[in-house]
Amino acid sequence: MRNFSSRESGGFSLLEVLFALGIIATVGISLIGLIPSGFDTVRRAGDLSVIARIVQTISSDALSSDWEEYAEQFSSNGTMVRYFDDQGNALERSGLRNHIYTASIELAGASTSASAASATSLPGDEKMRIDRSRDLRRILIRVTNVPGELGGEALKGGENSGRISNHFVIVPNLNPIEKVEAP
């Protein structure tokens, strides 16, 4: 029989095991610390995606509507409020299903007077003396992800925190071209 000494055994010493466990614990704690920030990033990315869908829906509605009919949908103070669920689908009114997002829409220059509508212009219009008062409308879309009636209150109260995103959209006035009869 052979005589085994401690030098010939292939095991790890206690110091080596403790050192390896320290490295694993340090890496594990660092990775666990990243999980909450990862969840927050995923939540914010989802919010941005839904808000982009809401802004596109509202812009498309404005673009496909007649100006006079679209302006009639706004209240006396020039705003309209719309409600959306967690996927960005429009709801008829507040409180239906999962009312998560609230959007406030302000239409600049909703009246037909040139002074109210002249707020929308493009760079270089002054030099070329172009009046876009009949051609363009500027829409301010404010969206919040505060669920329920608190979202509407945040928009009405003028809160300007990170929970409200502001989007300006310029849409052309697509009135039908008047037919001119040939003589």
Protein backbone atom coordinates (compact mmCIF):
# COMPACT_ATOMS: atom_id res chain seq x y z
CA MET A 1 0.00 0.00 0.00
CA ARG A 2 1.05 3.46 -0.75
CA ASN A 3 1.38 6.11 1.83
CA PHE A 4 -0.44 9.33 0.84
CA SER A 5 0.88 12.56 2.16
CA SER A 6 -0.94 15.87 2.24
CA ARG A 7 1.19 17.15 -0.61
CA GLU A 8 0.00 14.50 -2.99
CA SER A 9 -3.74 15.04 -2.38
CA GLY A 10 -5.50 16.95 -5.17
CA GLY A 11 -7.97 18.97 -3.04
CA PHE A 12 -8.17 22.73 -2.51
CA SER A 13 -7.08 24.40 0.64
CA LEU A 14 -9.54 26.30 2.83
CA LEU A 15 -8.00 29.61 1.77
CA GLU A 16 -8.48 28.85 -1.92
CA VAL A 17 -12.12 27.86 -1.38
CA LEU A 18 -12.85 31.05 0.58
CA PHE A 19 -11.19 33.18 -2.10
CA ALA A 20 -13.30 31.52 -4.85
CA LEU A 21 -16.51 31.98 -2.83
CA GLY A 22 -15.64 35.67 -2.32
CA ILE A 23 -15.27 36.19 -6.07
CA ILE A 24 -18.57 34.42 -6.79
CA ALA A 25 -20.38 36.45 -4.10
CA THR A 26 -19.01 39.73 -5.44
CA VAL A 27 -20.10 38.95 -9.01
CA GLY A 28 -23.49 37.61 -7.85
CA ILE A 29 -24.29 40.68 -5.78
CA SER A 30 -23.31 42.95 -8.69
CA LEU A 31 -25.59 41.06 -11.07
CA ILE A 32 -28.49 41.07 -8.61
CA GLY A 33 -28.05 44.84 -8.22
CA LEU A 34 -28.55 45.30 -11.99
CA ILE A 35 -31.95 43.57 -12.04
CA PRO A 36 -34.06 46.52 -10.77
CA SER A 37 -32.48 48.94 -13.24
CA GLY A 38 -33.11 46.43 -16.03
CA PHE A 39 -36.79 46.20 -15.09
CA ASP A 40 -37.01 49.99 -14.99
CA THR A 41 -35.45 50.24 -18.45
CA VAL A 42 -37.89 47.69 -19.86
CA ARG A 43 -40.85 49.56 -18.32
CA ARG A 44 -39.67 52.91 -19.75
CA ALA A 45 -39.13 51.36 -23.18
CA GLY A 46 -42.67 49.97 -23.09
CA ASP A 47 -44.05 53.38 -22.09
CA LEU A 48 -42.18 55.10 -24.92
CA SER A 49 -43.51 52.58 -27.41
CA VAL A 50 -47.12 53.03 -26.28
CA ILE A 51 -46.79 56.83 -26.16
CA ALA A 52 -45.40 56.84 -29.71
CA ARG A 53 -48.43 54.81 -30.82
CA ILE A 54 -50.79 57.26 -29.08
CA VAL A 55 -49.10 60.28 -30.71
CA GLN A 56 -49.31 58.62 -34.12
CA THR A 57 -52.99 57.78 -33.62
CA ILE A 58 -53.84 61.36 -32.66
CA SER A 59 -51.75 62.76 -35.55
CA SER A 60 -53.47 60.44 -38.02
CA ASP A 61 -56.89 61.49 -36.74
CA ALA A 62 -55.98 65.16 -37.19
CA LEU A 63 -54.56 64.54 -40.65
CA SER A 64 -57.58 62.62 -41.89
CA SER A 65 -60.15 65.08 -40.53
CA ASP A 66 -61.61 68.22 -41.99
CA TRP A 67 -60.26 71.22 -40.03
CA GLU A 68 -63.62 72.69 -39.13
CA GLU A 69 -65.00 69.32 -37.98
CA TYR A 70 -61.82 68.53 -36.04
CA ALA A 71 -61.84 71.93 -34.33
CA GLU A 72 -65.43 71.35 -33.16
CA GLN A 73 -64.26 68.40 -31.03
CA PHE A 74 -62.24 70.71 -28.77
CA SER A 75 -63.65 72.32 -25.65
CA SER A 76 -63.99 76.07 -25.19
CA ASN A 77 -60.43 76.32 -23.83
CA GLY A 78 -59.00 74.69 -26.98
CA THR A 79 -58.16 71.26 -25.57
CA MET A 80 -59.44 67.72 -26.02
CA VAL A 81 -58.78 64.79 -23.68
CA ARG A 82 -58.59 61.18 -24.88
CA TYR A 83 -58.07 57.97 -22.93
CA PHE A 84 -56.05 54.86 -23.83
CA ASP A 85 -55.51 51.40 -22.39
CA ASP A 86 -52.17 49.75 -21.58
CA GLN A 87 -51.55 48.89 -25.25
CA GLY A 88 -52.32 52.38 -26.57
CA ASN A 89 -55.79 51.52 -27.88
CA ALA A 90 -58.25 54.41 -27.73
CA LEU A 91 -61.09 54.15 -25.22
CA GLU A 92 -64.44 55.91 -25.58
CA ARG A 93 -64.35 57.46 -22.12
CA SER A 94 -62.48 57.44 -18.84
CA GLY A 95 -62.79 54.43 -16.58
CA LEU A 96 -63.34 51.79 -19.26
CA ARG A 97 -61.29 48.60 -18.99
CA ASN A 98 -57.69 49.55 -18.21
CA HIS A 99 -57.54 53.32 -18.51
CA ILE A 100 -53.78 53.79 -18.17
CA TYR A 101 -52.77 56.64 -20.50
CA THR A 102 -54.40 60.05 -20.78
CA ALA A 103 -53.68 62.41 -23.67
CA SER A 104 -54.43 66.12 -23.81
CA ILE A 105 -54.53 67.62 -27.30
CA GLU A 106 -54.22 71.35 -27.95
CA LEU A 107 -54.79 72.63 -31.46
CA ALA A 108 -52.98 75.88 -32.20
CA GLY A 109 -54.79 78.03 -34.71
CA ALA A 110 -58.07 76.11 -34.68
CA SER A 111 -59.91 79.22 -35.75
CA THR A 112 -59.94 80.34 -39.33
CA SER A 113 -58.51 83.77 -38.54
CA ALA A 114 -55.02 84.29 -39.87
CA SER A 115 -53.72 85.81 -36.64
CA ALA A 116 -54.48 82.70 -34.56
CA ALA A 117 -53.20 80.30 -37.20
CA SER A 118 -50.00 82.18 -38.02
CA ALA A 119 -48.25 80.56 -35.06
CA THR A 120 -47.17 77.75 -37.38
CA SER A 121 -44.32 78.57 -39.71
CA LEU A 122 -41.27 76.91 -41.13
CA PRO A 123 -37.68 78.17 -41.18
CA GLY A 124 -37.22 80.65 -44.02
CA ASP A 125 -40.89 81.64 -44.30
CA GLU A 126 -40.11 85.24 -43.26
CA LYS A 127 -37.47 85.67 -45.98
CA MET A 128 -39.70 84.30 -48.71
CA ARG A 129 -42.87 85.92 -47.28
CA ILE A 130 -44.83 82.70 -47.19
CA ASP A 131 -48.05 82.71 -45.21
CA ARG A 132 -48.81 79.20 -43.99
CA SER A 133 -51.81 80.19 -41.89
CA ARG A 134 -54.19 78.24 -44.12
CA ASP A 135 -51.86 75.32 -44.82
CA LEU A 136 -50.40 74.12 -41.51
CA ARG A 137 -51.65 73.49 -38.00
CA ARG A 138 -49.55 72.79 -34.93
CA ILE A 139 -50.81 70.26 -32.41
CA LEU A 140 -49.45 69.88 -28.89
CA ILE A 141 -50.01 66.37 -27.56
CA ARG A 142 -49.33 65.81 -23.86
CA VAL A 143 -49.43 62.18 -22.72
CA THR A 144 -49.18 60.83 -19.18
CA ASN A 145 -48.94 57.27 -17.94
CA VAL A 146 -50.57 58.06 -14.61
CA PRO A 147 -53.53 55.64 -14.48
CA GLY A 148 -57.12 56.61 -13.90
CA GLU A 149 -58.48 60.05 -13.11
CA LEU A 150 -55.16 61.14 -11.59
CA GLY A 151 -53.71 61.29 -15.12
CA GLY A 152 -56.33 63.80 -16.21
CA GLU A 153 -55.74 65.83 -13.08
CA ALA A 154 -51.97 65.87 -13.73
CA LEU A 155 -52.57 67.15 -17.26
CA LYS A 156 -55.11 69.77 -16.16
CA GLY A 157 -52.92 70.93 -13.29
CA GLY A 158 -50.08 71.68 -15.65
CA GLU A 159 -47.71 69.31 -13.88
CA ASN A 160 -44.54 69.11 -15.94
CA SER A 161 -42.72 66.19 -14.40
CA GLY A 162 -41.13 63.19 -16.04
CA ARG A 163 -44.53 61.53 -16.03
CA ILE A 164 -45.83 63.76 -18.83
CA SER A 165 -44.32 63.76 -22.30
CA ASN A 166 -44.91 66.66 -24.70
CA HIS A 167 -45.02 66.20 -28.47
CA PHE A 168 -45.48 68.86 -31.14
CA VAL A 169 -46.87 67.73 -34.47
CA ILE A 170 -47.33 69.88 -37.55
CA VAL A 171 -50.05 68.62 -39.89
CA PRO A 172 -51.04 70.06 -43.26
CA ASN A 173 -54.53 71.27 -43.99
CA LEU A 174 -55.77 68.87 -46.64
CA ASN A 175 -58.91 70.69 -47.74
CA PRO A 176 -60.22 69.49 -51.08
CA ILE A 177 -58.96 71.47 -54.06
CA GLU A 178 -61.70 73.62 -55.50
CA LYS A 179 -62.56 72.71 -59.05
CA VAL A 180 -62.28 75.51 -61.52
CA GLU A 181 -64.47 75.04 -64.55
CA ALA A 182 -62.81 75.61 -67.87
CA PRO A 183 -64.36 78.48 -69.89
